[in-house]
Amino acid sequence: MNANCIPSLDKEIRGISAIQTISRVNRTTKYKNDCKIIDFSYDNVNVQNIKDAFEHFSDVVVSDFDPFSDKRVLDLLLTELKKSEIYQKFFNPFMQIYKDADRRDDPESYLDIESSIEKFIDANPKRTADTKAKTAQYFTILNRIEYVVDLESKFSDPSFLFFLRKFNIIYNMMHRSDDVKDPIEVYFDNQIGIIEVETGEPEKKKKKKIKVAVGAEEGEPHQFDILKIIEARNEKEAIVGTLIKEFEEKIQDLFDFVRAQEDGKRLIVKIKSQVSEDEIYDDFAKLYRRYKALNRKKVGDYFFKEMEDLVDKLCADFEATVTS
């Protein structure tokens, strides 16, 4: 086992035999810095057998972590992402904003390109879903190996990561799911911006017992229809009355903000001119994102979290205030 040769396995080994075999190979000797074993067993069963043996007899958990294989996958993902239509179509316009120091950190600078990306995702669901999956995998691997192996700067280029994060946020907003959590999450700590938070398979939800629907008791009428949805979502909370009042005030503040904007004034004209609903919604959604970017700290994250999938309802309520 100390000779300059490559050991090979042509039969299956299990249990203590697996440990003895590996232990012999692992002997140290002069000039021996590394050792590799070629497994010729059927279906390469010895790979898992050796791990199982160490876990059982040595109380050692053998990790599947392979940063060099991960790096090869990362390189492939980088190539694929740069070939994607999202990158080809939107990265250069994005870079014009990113390279401008005065515009880079201003959320309003990105509103037009965000709106265009939204429309592209909506029109190309299959291709953008593929890009989304690759983006998730890219950040998961990058976070896992960034400080383990030396990576070229191209993998963690700030502008590229920032662009992918923008795309990821927009995609997630358009495809909310209560069943499976997204495997990446945005955070701000001057690092790559996205970290792995879910690695295992999501737990299967227990089948809920079907119940006959019961109508809610008649309550006080609300100023905005959207508040009925918020009330239903929070019907088990003791503070629902206070919450609804707070939301009513925040929605009113949002609508006042929309009316005060030049774009908002044009939107009101469009509403009164019977313009298509899609155009009205797009304009309102852009104004909503601007309000969110400028007022997040004052209004609070909970309000925007509740409204994330209800922007169309907000738009309908705003239209009602204009036409009534």
C-alpha atoms as a PDB file:
ATOM      1  CA  MET A   1       0.000   0.000   0.000  1.00  0.00           C
ATOM      2  CA  ASN A   2       3.042   2.299   0.198  1.00  0.00           C
ATOM      3  CA  ALA A   3       4.007   1.719  -3.434  1.00  0.00           C
ATOM      4  CA  ASN A   4       3.627   4.404  -6.120  1.00  0.00           C
ATOM      5  CA  CYS A   5       0.538   2.923  -7.673  1.00  0.00           C
ATOM      6  CA  ILE A   6      -3.188   3.556  -7.806  1.00  0.00           C
ATOM      7  CA  PRO A   7      -5.191   1.078  -5.701  1.00  0.00           C
ATOM      8  CA  SER A   8      -8.360  -0.227  -7.289  1.00  0.00           C
ATOM      9  CA  LEU A   9     -11.436  -2.018  -5.996  1.00  0.00           C
ATOM     10  CA  ASP A  10     -13.105  -4.560  -8.251  1.00  0.00           C
ATOM     11  CA  LYS A  11     -15.493  -6.057  -5.705  1.00  0.00           C
ATOM     12  CA  GLU A  12     -17.899  -4.784  -3.105  1.00  0.00           C
ATOM     13  CA  ILE A  13     -16.603  -4.193   0.422  1.00  0.00           C
ATOM     14  CA  ARG A  14     -18.737  -3.544   3.482  1.00  0.00           C
ATOM     15  CA  GLY A  15     -18.556  -2.817   7.186  1.00  0.00           C
ATOM     16  CA  ILE A  16     -15.234  -3.362   8.970  1.00  0.00           C
ATOM     17  CA  SER A  17     -13.593  -4.588   5.751  1.00  0.00           C
ATOM     18  CA  ALA A  18     -14.263  -1.204   4.172  1.00  0.00           C
ATOM     19  CA  ILE A  19     -12.601   0.606   7.092  1.00  0.00           C
ATOM     20  CA  GLN A  20      -9.575  -1.746   7.065  1.00  0.00           C
ATOM     21  CA  THR A  21      -9.106  -1.249   3.333  1.00  0.00           C
ATOM     22  CA  ILE A  22      -9.216   2.532   3.549  1.00  0.00           C
ATOM     23  CA  SER A  23      -6.995   2.572   6.645  1.00  0.00           C
ATOM     24  CA  ARG A  24      -4.270   0.626   4.813  1.00  0.00           C
ATOM     25  CA  VAL A  25      -4.439   3.011   1.886  1.00  0.00           C
ATOM     26  CA  ASN A  26      -4.315   5.992   4.236  1.00  0.00           C
ATOM     27  CA  ARG A  27      -0.915   5.064   5.711  1.00  0.00           C
ATOM     28  CA  THR A  28       1.623   7.883   5.572  1.00  0.00           C
ATOM     29  CA  THR A  29       5.021   7.521   3.994  1.00  0.00           C
ATOM     30  CA  LYS A  30       7.726   9.788   2.607  1.00  0.00           C
ATOM     31  CA  TYR A  31       6.674  11.850  -0.439  1.00  0.00           C
ATOM     32  CA  LYS A  32       3.128  10.563  -0.184  1.00  0.00           C
ATOM     33  CA  ASN A  33       0.829  13.595  -0.111  1.00  0.00           C
ATOM     34  CA  ASP A  34      -2.362  12.266  -1.589  1.00  0.00           C
ATOM     35  CA  CYS A  35      -4.177   9.049  -2.323  1.00  0.00           C
ATOM     36  CA  LYS A  36      -6.950   8.132  -4.713  1.00  0.00           C
ATOM     37  CA  ILE A  37      -8.828   4.883  -5.116  1.00  0.00           C
ATOM     38  CA  ILE A  38     -10.557   3.793  -8.309  1.00  0.00           C
ATOM     39  CA  ASP A  39     -13.792   1.935  -7.602  1.00  0.00           C
ATOM     40  CA  PHE A  40     -14.685  -0.653 -10.253  1.00  0.00           C
ATOM     41  CA  SER A  41     -17.513  -2.169  -8.234  1.00  0.00           C
ATOM     42  CA  TYR A  42     -20.916  -2.426  -9.875  1.00  0.00           C
ATOM     43  CA  ASP A  43     -22.708   0.944  -9.668  1.00  0.00           C
ATOM     44  CA  ASN A  44     -19.793   2.229  -7.541  1.00  0.00           C
ATOM     45  CA  VAL A  45     -21.491   0.868  -4.421  1.00  0.00           C
ATOM     46  CA  ASN A  46     -18.262   1.109  -2.400  1.00  0.00           C
ATOM     47  CA  VAL A  47     -18.462   4.896  -2.291  1.00  0.00           C
ATOM     48  CA  GLN A  48     -21.582   4.756  -0.124  1.00  0.00           C
ATOM     49  CA  ASN A  49     -20.487   1.566   1.664  1.00  0.00           C
ATOM     50  CA  ILE A  50     -17.313   3.244   2.946  1.00  0.00           C
ATOM     51  CA  LYS A  51     -19.250   6.263   4.210  1.00  0.00           C
ATOM     52  CA  ASP A  52     -21.776   4.012   5.943  1.00  0.00           C
ATOM     53  CA  ALA A  53     -18.992   1.994   7.566  1.00  0.00           C
ATOM     54  CA  PHE A  54     -17.259   5.056   9.008  1.00  0.00           C
ATOM     55  CA  GLU A  55     -20.540   6.414  10.330  1.00  0.00           C
ATOM     56  CA  HIS A  56     -21.357   3.096  12.005  1.00  0.00           C
ATOM     57  CA  PHE A  57     -17.989   2.005  13.437  1.00  0.00           C
ATOM     58  CA  SER A  58     -16.102   5.261  13.939  1.00  0.00           C
ATOM     59  CA  ASP A  59     -18.890   7.653  14.887  1.00  0.00           C
ATOM     60  CA  VAL A  60     -17.746   9.832  11.996  1.00  0.00           C
ATOM     61  CA  VAL A  61     -20.145  11.506   9.605  1.00  0.00           C
ATOM     62  CA  VAL A  62     -18.631  11.529   6.135  1.00  0.00           C
ATOM     63  CA  SER A  63     -19.597  14.650   4.240  1.00  0.00           C
ATOM     64  CA  ASP A  64     -20.578  14.761   0.587  1.00  0.00           C
ATOM     65  CA  PHE A  65     -19.118  18.267   0.397  1.00  0.00           C
ATOM     66  CA  ASP A  66     -16.948  18.456  -2.721  1.00  0.00           C
ATOM     67  CA  PRO A  67     -15.951  22.086  -3.346  1.00  0.00           C
ATOM     68  CA  PHE A  68     -13.972  21.368  -6.512  1.00  0.00           C
ATOM     69  CA  SER A  69     -16.910  19.626  -8.160  1.00  0.00           C
ATOM     70  CA  ASP A  70     -19.090  22.508  -6.981  1.00  0.00           C
ATOM     71  CA  LYS A  71     -16.687  24.942  -8.614  1.00  0.00           C
ATOM     72  CA  ARG A  72     -17.018  23.146 -11.952  1.00  0.00           C
ATOM     73  CA  VAL A  73     -20.804  23.338 -11.672  1.00  0.00           C
ATOM     74  CA  LEU A  74     -20.537  27.024 -10.756  1.00  0.00           C
ATOM     75  CA  ASP A  75     -18.504  27.660 -13.899  1.00  0.00           C
ATOM     76  CA  LEU A  76     -21.147  25.950 -16.034  1.00  0.00           C
ATOM     77  CA  LEU A  77     -23.920  27.927 -14.335  1.00  0.00           C
ATOM     78  CA  LEU A  78     -22.094  31.202 -14.924  1.00  0.00           C
ATOM     79  CA  THR A  79     -21.850  30.409 -18.638  1.00  0.00           C
ATOM     80  CA  GLU A  80     -25.516  29.394 -18.840  1.00  0.00           C
ATOM     81  CA  LEU A  81     -26.732  32.460 -16.944  1.00  0.00           C
ATOM     82  CA  LYS A  82     -24.794  34.770 -19.248  1.00  0.00           C
ATOM     83  CA  LYS A  83     -26.404  33.037 -22.228  1.00  0.00           C
ATOM     84  CA  SER A  84     -29.895  33.469 -20.761  1.00  0.00           C
ATOM     85  CA  GLU A  85     -32.343  35.870 -22.381  1.00  0.00           C
ATOM     86  CA  ILE A  86     -32.753  37.795 -19.120  1.00  0.00           C
ATOM     87  CA  TYR A  87     -29.023  38.538 -19.087  1.00  0.00           C
ATOM     88  CA  GLN A  88     -28.748  39.213 -22.819  1.00  0.00           C
ATOM     89  CA  LYS A  89     -31.744  41.541 -22.868  1.00  0.00           C
ATOM     90  CA  PHE A  90     -31.435  43.455 -19.601  1.00  0.00           C
ATOM     91  CA  PHE A  91     -27.867  43.362 -18.282  1.00  0.00           C
ATOM     92  CA  ASN A  92     -26.478  46.179 -20.452  1.00  0.00           C
ATOM     93  CA  PRO A  93     -29.336  48.614 -19.638  1.00  0.00           C
ATOM     94  CA  PHE A  94     -28.908  47.632 -15.990  1.00  0.00           C
ATOM     95  CA  MET A  95     -25.167  48.385 -16.153  1.00  0.00           C
ATOM     96  CA  GLN A  96     -25.843  51.889 -17.462  1.00  0.00           C
ATOM     97  CA  ILE A  97     -27.587  52.573 -14.154  1.00  0.00           C
ATOM     98  CA  TYR A  98     -25.124  50.602 -12.026  1.00  0.00           C
ATOM     99  CA  LYS A  99     -22.066  52.430 -13.384  1.00  0.00           C
ATOM    100  CA  ASP A 100     -23.623  55.805 -12.559  1.00  0.00           C
ATOM    101  CA  ALA A 101     -22.648  56.465  -8.924  1.00  0.00           C
ATOM    102  CA  ASP A 102     -25.485  58.972  -8.514  1.00  0.00           C
ATOM    103  CA  ARG A 103     -28.154  56.507  -9.673  1.00  0.00           C
ATOM    104  CA  ARG A 104     -26.816  53.160  -8.443  1.00  0.00           C
ATOM    105  CA  ASP A 105     -28.195  53.360  -4.898  1.00  0.00           C
ATOM    106  CA  ASP A 106     -31.446  55.109  -5.815  1.00  0.00           C
ATOM    107  CA  PRO A 107     -34.291  52.535  -5.978  1.00  0.00           C
ATOM    108  CA  GLU A 108     -36.268  54.766  -8.350  1.00  0.00           C
ATOM    109  CA  SER A 109     -33.534  54.431 -10.978  1.00  0.00           C
ATOM    110  CA  TYR A 110     -34.450  50.768 -11.491  1.00  0.00           C
ATOM    111  CA  LEU A 111     -38.236  51.100 -11.728  1.00  0.00           C
ATOM    112  CA  ASP A 112     -38.404  51.083 -15.539  1.00  0.00           C
ATOM    113  CA  ILE A 113     -36.085  48.109 -15.967  1.00  0.00           C
ATOM    114  CA  GLU A 114     -37.897  46.219 -13.173  1.00  0.00           C
ATOM    115  CA  SER A 115     -41.193  46.787 -14.966  1.00  0.00           C
ATOM    116  CA  SER A 116     -39.687  45.500 -18.236  1.00  0.00           C
ATOM    117  CA  ILE A 117     -38.308  42.397 -16.505  1.00  0.00           C
ATOM    118  CA  GLU A 118     -41.754  41.736 -14.997  1.00  0.00           C
ATOM    119  CA  LYS A 119     -43.366  41.837 -18.445  1.00  0.00           C
ATOM    120  CA  PHE A 120     -40.664  39.579 -19.886  1.00  0.00           C
ATOM    121  CA  ILE A 121     -41.132  37.010 -17.097  1.00  0.00           C
ATOM    122  CA  ASP A 122     -44.885  37.088 -17.655  1.00  0.00           C
ATOM    123  CA  ALA A 123     -44.476  36.558 -21.403  1.00  0.00           C
ATOM    124  CA  ASN A 124     -41.785  33.851 -21.120  1.00  0.00           C
ATOM    125  CA  PRO A 125     -42.672  31.703 -18.085  1.00  0.00           C
ATOM    126  CA  LYS A 126     -40.791  28.546 -19.068  1.00  0.00           C
ATOM    127  CA  ARG A 127     -37.485  30.148 -20.028  1.00  0.00           C
ATOM    128  CA  THR A 128     -37.424  32.523 -17.071  1.00  0.00           C
ATOM    129  CA  ALA A 129     -38.266  29.651 -14.693  1.00  0.00           C
ATOM    130  CA  ASP A 130     -35.139  27.898 -15.947  1.00  0.00           C
ATOM    131  CA  THR A 131     -33.066  31.033 -15.342  1.00  0.00           C
ATOM    132  CA  LYS A 132     -34.575  31.357 -11.867  1.00  0.00           C
ATOM    133  CA  ALA A 133     -33.607  27.771 -10.994  1.00  0.00           C
ATOM    134  CA  LYS A 134     -30.063  28.319 -12.221  1.00  0.00           C
ATOM    135  CA  THR A 135     -29.836  31.579 -10.259  1.00  0.00           C
ATOM    136  CA  ALA A 136     -30.886  29.801  -7.070  1.00  0.00           C
ATOM    137  CA  GLN A 137     -28.340  27.048  -7.606  1.00  0.00           C
ATOM    138  CA  TYR A 138     -25.616  29.553  -8.470  1.00  0.00           C
ATOM    139  CA  PHE A 139     -25.990  31.483  -5.220  1.00  0.00           C
ATOM    140  CA  THR A 140     -26.348  28.334  -3.139  1.00  0.00           C
ATOM    141  CA  ILE A 141     -23.056  26.945  -4.449  1.00  0.00           C
ATOM    142  CA  LEU A 142     -21.276  30.303  -4.324  1.00  0.00           C
ATOM    143  CA  ASN A 143     -22.197  30.779  -0.696  1.00  0.00           C
ATOM    144  CA  ARG A 144     -21.069  27.239   0.118  1.00  0.00           C
ATOM    145  CA  ILE A 145     -17.587  27.413  -1.423  1.00  0.00           C
ATOM    146  CA  GLU A 146     -16.703  31.120  -1.582  1.00  0.00           C
ATOM    147  CA  TYR A 147     -14.318  30.951   1.376  1.00  0.00           C
ATOM    148  CA  VAL A 148     -13.330  27.306   0.938  1.00  0.00           C
ATOM    149  CA  VAL A 149     -11.545  27.389  -2.425  1.00  0.00           C
ATOM    150  CA  ASP A 150      -9.927  30.168  -4.412  1.00  0.00           C
ATOM    151  CA  LEU A 151     -12.462  31.555  -6.875  1.00  0.00           C
ATOM    152  CA  GLU A 152     -11.820  33.897  -9.771  1.00  0.00           C
ATOM    153  CA  SER A 153     -13.329  37.351  -9.328  1.00  0.00           C
ATOM    154  CA  LYS A 154     -15.760  36.697 -12.211  1.00  0.00           C
ATOM    155  CA  PHE A 155     -17.844  34.466  -9.945  1.00  0.00           C
ATOM    156  CA  SER A 156     -18.533  37.158  -7.363  1.00  0.00           C
ATOM    157  CA  ASP A 157     -18.583  40.259  -9.540  1.00  0.00           C
ATOM    158  CA  PRO A 158     -20.764  42.743  -7.564  1.00  0.00           C
ATOM    159  CA  SER A 159     -22.659  44.061 -10.597  1.00  0.00           C
ATOM    160  CA  PHE A 160     -23.497  40.546 -11.834  1.00  0.00           C
ATOM    161  CA  LEU A 161     -24.686  39.430  -8.382  1.00  0.00           C
ATOM    162  CA  PHE A 162     -26.722  42.602  -7.912  1.00  0.00           C
ATOM    163  CA  PHE A 163     -28.408  42.056 -11.285  1.00  0.00           C
ATOM    164  CA  LEU A 164     -29.285  38.445 -10.441  1.00  0.00           C
ATOM    165  CA  ARG A 165     -30.622  39.513  -7.061  1.00  0.00           C
ATOM    166  CA  LYS A 166     -32.905  42.059  -8.775  1.00  0.00           C
ATOM    167  CA  PHE A 167     -34.203  39.368 -11.117  1.00  0.00           C
ATOM    168  CA  ASN A 168     -34.697  36.943  -8.221  1.00  0.00           C
ATOM    169  CA  ILE A 169     -36.705  39.443  -6.147  1.00  0.00           C
ATOM    170  CA  ILE A 170     -38.978  40.306  -9.076  1.00  0.00           C
ATOM    171  CA  TYR A 171     -39.522  36.626  -9.941  1.00  0.00           C
ATOM    172  CA  ASN A 172     -40.360  35.749  -6.337  1.00  0.00           C
ATOM    173  CA  MET A 173     -42.849  38.608  -6.080  1.00  0.00           C
ATOM    174  CA  MET A 174     -44.620  37.315  -9.185  1.00  0.00           C
ATOM    175  CA  HIS A 175     -44.601  33.660  -8.109  1.00  0.00           C
ATOM    176  CA  ARG A 176     -45.424  33.516  -4.432  1.00  0.00           C
ATOM    177  CA  SER A 177     -45.979  30.043  -3.029  1.00  0.00           C
ATOM    178  CA  ASP A 178     -47.184  28.998   0.405  1.00  0.00           C
ATOM    179  CA  ASP A 179     -46.103  25.409  -0.151  1.00  0.00           C
ATOM    180  CA  VAL A 180     -42.363  25.617  -0.800  1.00  0.00           C
ATOM    181  CA  LYS A 181     -39.965  28.231   0.482  1.00  0.00           C
ATOM    182  CA  ASP A 182     -37.508  29.654  -1.977  1.00  0.00           C
ATOM    183  CA  PRO A 183     -34.023  28.228  -1.319  1.00  0.00           C
ATOM    184  CA  ILE A 184     -32.394  31.644  -1.307  1.00  0.00           C
ATOM    185  CA  GLU A 185     -32.955  34.694   0.771  1.00  0.00           C
ATOM    186  CA  VAL A 186     -31.709  38.254   0.364  1.00  0.00           C
ATOM    187  CA  TYR A 187     -29.720  39.840   3.127  1.00  0.00           C
ATOM    188  CA  PHE A 188     -27.379  42.804   3.377  1.00  0.00           C
ATOM    189  CA  ASP A 189     -23.936  42.374   4.941  1.00  0.00           C
ATOM    190  CA  ASN A 190     -21.592  43.434   2.132  1.00  0.00           C
ATOM    191  CA  GLN A 191     -21.242  39.808   1.109  1.00  0.00           C
ATOM    192  CA  ILE A 192     -22.761  38.103  -1.906  1.00  0.00           C
ATOM    193  CA  GLY A 193     -26.285  39.154  -0.977  1.00  0.00           C
ATOM    194  CA  ILE A 194     -28.016  35.818  -1.064  1.00  0.00           C
ATOM    195  CA  ILE A 195     -27.597  32.889   1.309  1.00  0.00           C
ATOM    196  CA  GLU A 196     -28.833  29.328   1.450  1.00  0.00           C
ATOM    197  CA  VAL A 197     -31.598  28.840   3.964  1.00  0.00           C
ATOM    198  CA  GLU A 198     -33.297  25.639   2.833  1.00  0.00           C
ATOM    199  CA  THR A 199     -31.400  22.562   1.686  1.00  0.00           C
ATOM    200  CA  GLY A 200     -33.727  19.661   2.405  1.00  0.00           C
ATOM    201  CA  GLU A 201     -36.883  18.569   0.717  1.00  0.00           C
ATOM    202  CA  PRO A 202     -39.948  20.467   1.948  1.00  0.00           C
ATOM    203  CA  GLU A 203     -42.110  18.523   4.349  1.00  0.00           C
ATOM    204  CA  LYS A 204     -45.295  17.153   2.877  1.00  0.00           C
ATOM    205  CA  LYS A 205     -48.292  19.004   4.149  1.00  0.00           C
ATOM    206  CA  LYS A 206     -50.878  16.943   5.942  1.00  0.00           C
ATOM    207  CA  LYS A 207     -54.137  16.689   4.110  1.00  0.00           C
ATOM    208  CA  LYS A 208     -56.544  19.097   5.705  1.00  0.00           C
ATOM    209  CA  LYS A 209     -60.031  18.023   6.585  1.00  0.00           C
ATOM    210  CA  ILE A 210     -62.546  19.587   4.256  1.00  0.00           C
ATOM    211  CA  LYS A 211     -64.953  21.794   6.136  1.00  0.00           C
ATOM    212  CA  VAL A 212     -68.153  23.411   4.996  1.00  0.00           C
ATOM    213  CA  ALA A 213     -67.490  27.087   4.461  1.00  0.00           C
ATOM    214  CA  VAL A 214     -69.106  29.439   6.932  1.00  0.00           C
ATOM    215  CA  GLY A 215     -69.777  33.045   6.024  1.00  0.00           C
ATOM    216  CA  ALA A 216     -68.105  35.671   8.178  1.00  0.00           C
ATOM    217  CA  GLU A 217     -70.271  37.688  10.515  1.00  0.00           C
ATOM    218  CA  GLU A 218     -71.403  41.029   9.194  1.00  0.00           C
ATOM    219  CA  GLY A 219     -69.091  43.710  10.552  1.00  0.00           C
ATOM    220  CA  GLU A 220     -68.336  47.354  10.055  1.00  0.00           C
ATOM    221  CA  PRO A 221     -68.004  48.335   6.377  1.00  0.00           C
ATOM    222  CA  HIS A 222     -64.431  49.194   5.365  1.00  0.00           C
ATOM    223  CA  GLN A 223     -63.224  52.229   3.468  1.00  0.00           C
ATOM    224  CA  PHE A 224     -61.301  50.000   1.024  1.00  0.00           C
ATOM    225  CA  ASP A 225     -62.350  46.551  -0.244  1.00  0.00           C
ATOM    226  CA  ILE A 226     -58.822  45.199   0.237  1.00  0.00           C
ATOM    227  CA  LEU A 227     -59.279  45.527   4.007  1.00  0.00           C
ATOM    228  CA  LYS A 228     -61.828  42.676   3.889  1.00  0.00           C
ATOM    229  CA  ILE A 229     -59.027  40.383   2.707  1.00  0.00           C
ATOM    230  CA  ILE A 230     -56.652  41.609   5.416  1.00  0.00           C
ATOM    231  CA  GLU A 231     -59.368  41.104   8.031  1.00  0.00           C
ATOM    232  CA  ALA A 232     -60.012  37.532   6.828  1.00  0.00           C
ATOM    233  CA  ARG A 233     -56.294  36.706   6.906  1.00  0.00           C
ATOM    234  CA  ASN A 234     -55.998  37.952  10.470  1.00  0.00           C
ATOM    235  CA  GLU A 235     -59.369  36.902  11.856  1.00  0.00           C
ATOM    236  CA  LYS A 236     -57.755  34.883  14.675  1.00  0.00           C
ATOM    237  CA  GLU A 237     -55.736  37.854  15.937  1.00  0.00           C
ATOM    238  CA  ALA A 238     -57.154  39.705  18.924  1.00  0.00           C
ATOM    239  CA  ILE A 239     -55.837  43.016  17.591  1.00  0.00           C
ATOM    240  CA  VAL A 240     -57.519  42.729  14.189  1.00  0.00           C
ATOM    241  CA  GLY A 241     -59.522  45.943  14.721  1.00  0.00           C
ATOM    242  CA  THR A 242     -56.383  47.969  15.472  1.00  0.00           C
ATOM    243  CA  LEU A 243     -54.554  46.330  12.567  1.00  0.00           C
ATOM    244  CA  ILE A 244     -57.306  47.201  10.089  1.00  0.00           C
ATOM    245  CA  LYS A 245     -57.304  50.809  11.285  1.00  0.00           C
ATOM    246  CA  GLU A 246     -53.523  51.024  10.820  1.00  0.00           C
ATOM    247  CA  PHE A 247     -53.741  49.492   7.350  1.00  0.00           C
ATOM    248  CA  GLU A 248     -56.519  51.877   6.380  1.00  0.00           C
ATOM    249  CA  GLU A 249     -54.307  54.835   7.318  1.00  0.00           C
ATOM    250  CA  LYS A 250     -51.311  53.395   5.448  1.00  0.00           C
ATOM    251  CA  ILE A 251     -53.364  52.702   2.317  1.00  0.00           C
ATOM    252  CA  GLN A 252     -54.691  56.250   2.443  1.00  0.00           C
ATOM    253  CA  ASP A 253     -51.097  57.507   2.747  1.00  0.00           C
ATOM    254  CA  LEU A 254     -50.117  55.399  -0.284  1.00  0.00           C
ATOM    255  CA  PHE A 255     -53.014  56.782  -2.329  1.00  0.00           C
ATOM    256  CA  ASP A 256     -52.113  60.353  -1.304  1.00  0.00           C
ATOM    257  CA  PHE A 257     -48.538  59.640  -2.428  1.00  0.00           C
ATOM    258  CA  VAL A 258     -49.764  58.365  -5.815  1.00  0.00           C
ATOM    259  CA  ARG A 259     -51.927  61.452  -6.339  1.00  0.00           C
ATOM    260  CA  ALA A 260     -48.999  63.762  -5.524  1.00  0.00           C
ATOM    261  CA  GLN A 261     -46.670  62.201  -8.122  1.00  0.00           C
ATOM    262  CA  GLU A 262     -46.581  63.464 -11.699  1.00  0.00           C
ATOM    263  CA  ASP A 263     -46.897  59.848 -12.856  1.00  0.00           C
ATOM    264  CA  GLY A 264     -49.841  59.499 -10.479  1.00  0.00           C
ATOM    265  CA  LYS A 265     -51.612  62.498 -11.970  1.00  0.00           C
ATOM    266  CA  ARG A 266     -51.199  60.975 -15.422  1.00  0.00           C
ATOM    267  CA  LEU A 267     -52.510  57.677 -14.046  1.00  0.00           C
ATOM    268  CA  ILE A 268     -55.674  59.397 -12.798  1.00  0.00           C
ATOM    269  CA  VAL A 269     -56.213  60.847 -16.275  1.00  0.00           C
ATOM    270  CA  LYS A 270     -55.796  57.367 -17.774  1.00  0.00           C
ATOM    271  CA  ILE A 271     -58.307  55.878 -15.320  1.00  0.00           C
ATOM    272  CA  LYS A 272     -60.862  58.499 -16.302  1.00  0.00           C
ATOM    273  CA  SER A 273     -60.081  57.951 -19.991  1.00  0.00           C
ATOM    274  CA  GLN A 274     -60.935  54.222 -20.000  1.00  0.00           C
ATOM    275  CA  VAL A 275     -57.373  53.094 -20.785  1.00  0.00           C
ATOM    276  CA  SER A 276     -56.713  49.317 -20.688  1.00  0.00           C
ATOM    277  CA  GLU A 277     -56.546  47.694 -17.252  1.00  0.00           C
ATOM    278  CA  ASP A 278     -53.085  46.272 -17.982  1.00  0.00           C
ATOM    279  CA  GLU A 279     -51.642  49.722 -18.614  1.00  0.00           C
ATOM    280  CA  ILE A 280     -53.307  51.138 -15.488  1.00  0.00           C
ATOM    281  CA  TYR A 281     -52.000  48.251 -13.371  1.00  0.00           C
ATOM    282  CA  ASP A 282     -48.449  48.596 -14.736  1.00  0.00           C
ATOM    283  CA  ASP A 283     -48.408  52.316 -13.928  1.00  0.00           C
ATOM    284  CA  PHE A 284     -49.860  51.768 -10.456  1.00  0.00           C
ATOM    285  CA  ALA A 285     -47.430  48.912  -9.692  1.00  0.00           C
ATOM    286  CA  LYS A 286     -44.504  51.167 -10.579  1.00  0.00           C
ATOM    287  CA  LEU A 287     -45.791  53.892  -8.240  1.00  0.00           C
ATOM    288  CA  TYR A 288     -46.372  51.277  -5.515  1.00  0.00           C
ATOM    289  CA  ARG A 289     -42.752  50.087  -5.781  1.00  0.00           C
ATOM    290  CA  ARG A 290     -41.556  53.693  -5.566  1.00  0.00           C
ATOM    291  CA  TYR A 291     -43.639  54.263  -2.431  1.00  0.00           C
ATOM    292  CA  LYS A 292     -42.289  51.024  -0.950  1.00  0.00           C
ATOM    293  CA  ALA A 293     -38.685  51.980  -1.682  1.00  0.00           C
ATOM    294  CA  LEU A 294     -39.046  55.436  -0.153  1.00  0.00           C
ATOM    295  CA  ASN A 295     -41.253  54.592   2.845  1.00  0.00           C
ATOM    296  CA  ARG A 296     -40.263  51.089   3.981  1.00  0.00           C
ATOM    297  CA  LYS A 297     -38.814  52.272   7.303  1.00  0.00           C
ATOM    298  CA  LYS A 298     -41.752  54.553   8.112  1.00  0.00           C
ATOM    299  CA  VAL A 299     -44.521  52.165   7.068  1.00  0.00           C
ATOM    300  CA  GLY A 300     -42.922  48.897   8.222  1.00  0.00           C
ATOM    301  CA  ASP A 301     -42.223  45.580   6.492  1.00  0.00           C
ATOM    302  CA  TYR A 302     -45.404  43.874   7.701  1.00  0.00           C
ATOM    303  CA  PHE A 303     -47.645  46.139   5.628  1.00  0.00           C
ATOM    304  CA  PHE A 304     -45.680  45.470   2.431  1.00  0.00           C
ATOM    305  CA  LYS A 305     -45.521  41.734   3.165  1.00  0.00           C
ATOM    306  CA  GLU A 306     -49.314  41.588   3.425  1.00  0.00           C
ATOM    307  CA  MET A 307     -49.734  43.676   0.265  1.00  0.00           C
ATOM    308  CA  GLU A 308     -47.166  41.811  -1.814  1.00  0.00           C
ATOM    309  CA  ASP A 309     -49.738  39.684  -3.650  1.00  0.00           C
ATOM    310  CA  LEU A 310     -52.541  42.240  -3.447  1.00  0.00           C
ATOM    311  CA  VAL A 311     -51.188  45.096  -5.564  1.00  0.00           C
ATOM    312  CA  ASP A 312     -53.943  44.484  -8.119  1.00  0.00           C
ATOM    313  CA  LYS A 313     -56.540  44.867  -5.348  1.00  0.00           C
ATOM    314  CA  LEU A 314     -54.862  48.085  -4.198  1.00  0.00           C
ATOM    315  CA  CYS A 315     -55.028  49.329  -7.774  1.00  0.00           C
ATOM    316  CA  ALA A 316     -58.747  48.481  -7.962  1.00  0.00           C
ATOM    317  CA  ASP A 317     -59.402  50.366  -4.706  1.00  0.00           C
ATOM    318  CA  PHE A 318     -57.461  53.348  -6.003  1.00  0.00           C
ATOM    319  CA  GLU A 319     -59.494  53.313  -9.224  1.00  0.00           C
ATOM    320  CA  ALA A 320     -62.661  53.255  -7.130  1.00  0.00           C
ATOM    321  CA  THR A 321     -61.568  56.406  -5.265  1.00  0.00           C
ATOM    322  CA  VAL A 322     -60.918  58.140  -8.588  1.00  0.00           C
ATOM    323  CA  THR A 323     -64.165  57.167 -10.294  1.00  0.00           C
ATOM    324  CA  SER A 324     -66.519  57.516  -7.317  1.00  0.00           C
END
